[in-house]
């Protein structure tokens, strides 16, 4: 498993969500919105 940072003394791991994460999320959201517009998915707010 890859972690961005790990402090052995504190036994604390860090995983930063960098720009690559947000880019993939944006692509996923765009595909989801396209499916909603075409009627393949329903949109609901919670």
Protein backbone atom coordinates (compact mmCIF):
# COMPACT_ATOMS: atom_id res chain seq x y z
CA UNK A 1 0.00 0.00 0.00
CA UNK A 2 1.33 3.43 -0.91
CA UNK A 3 0.87 6.28 1.56
CA UNK A 4 1.90 9.88 1.03
CA UNK A 5 3.42 10.13 4.50
CA UNK A 6 3.78 7.98 7.59
CA UNK A 7 4.99 8.86 11.10
CA UNK A 8 6.19 5.65 12.74
CA UNK A 9 6.42 7.16 16.23
CA UNK A 10 2.80 8.35 16.14
CA UNK A 11 1.67 5.41 13.97
CA UNK A 12 -0.10 7.97 11.82
CA UNK A 13 -0.47 7.78 8.03
CA UNK A 14 -1.39 10.57 5.64
CA UNK A 15 -2.97 10.33 2.23
CA UNK A 16 -3.37 13.61 0.37
CA UNK A 17 -6.00 13.91 -2.34
CA UNK A 18 -4.00 15.79 -4.95
CA UNK A 19 -4.99 17.16 -8.32
CA UNK A 20 -4.96 13.69 -9.93
CA UNK A 21 -7.81 12.69 -7.61
CA UNK A 22 -9.87 15.75 -8.47
CA UNK A 23 -9.25 15.28 -12.19
CA UNK A 24 -10.59 11.71 -12.05
CA UNK A 25 -13.56 12.85 -9.94
CA UNK A 26 -14.37 15.56 -12.48
CA UNK A 27 -14.37 12.97 -15.30
CA UNK A 28 -16.62 10.67 -13.25
CA UNK A 29 -19.04 13.52 -12.48
CA UNK A 30 -19.17 14.55 -16.14
CA UNK A 31 -20.07 10.99 -17.20
CA UNK A 32 -22.72 10.80 -14.48
CA UNK A 33 -24.31 14.10 -15.58
CA UNK A 34 -24.35 12.89 -19.19
CA UNK A 35 -26.19 9.70 -18.16
CA UNK A 36 -28.70 11.76 -16.17
CA UNK A 37 -29.33 14.08 -19.13
CA UNK A 38 -29.87 11.08 -21.43
CA UNK A 39 -32.36 9.57 -18.96
CA UNK A 40 -30.28 6.54 -17.96
CA UNK A 41 -29.97 7.71 -14.33
CA UNK A 42 -32.26 9.61 -12.01
CA UNK A 43 -31.00 12.55 -10.01
CA UNK A 44 -32.17 13.12 -6.44
CA UNK A 45 -30.94 15.42 -3.71
CA UNK A 46 -30.64 14.29 -0.11
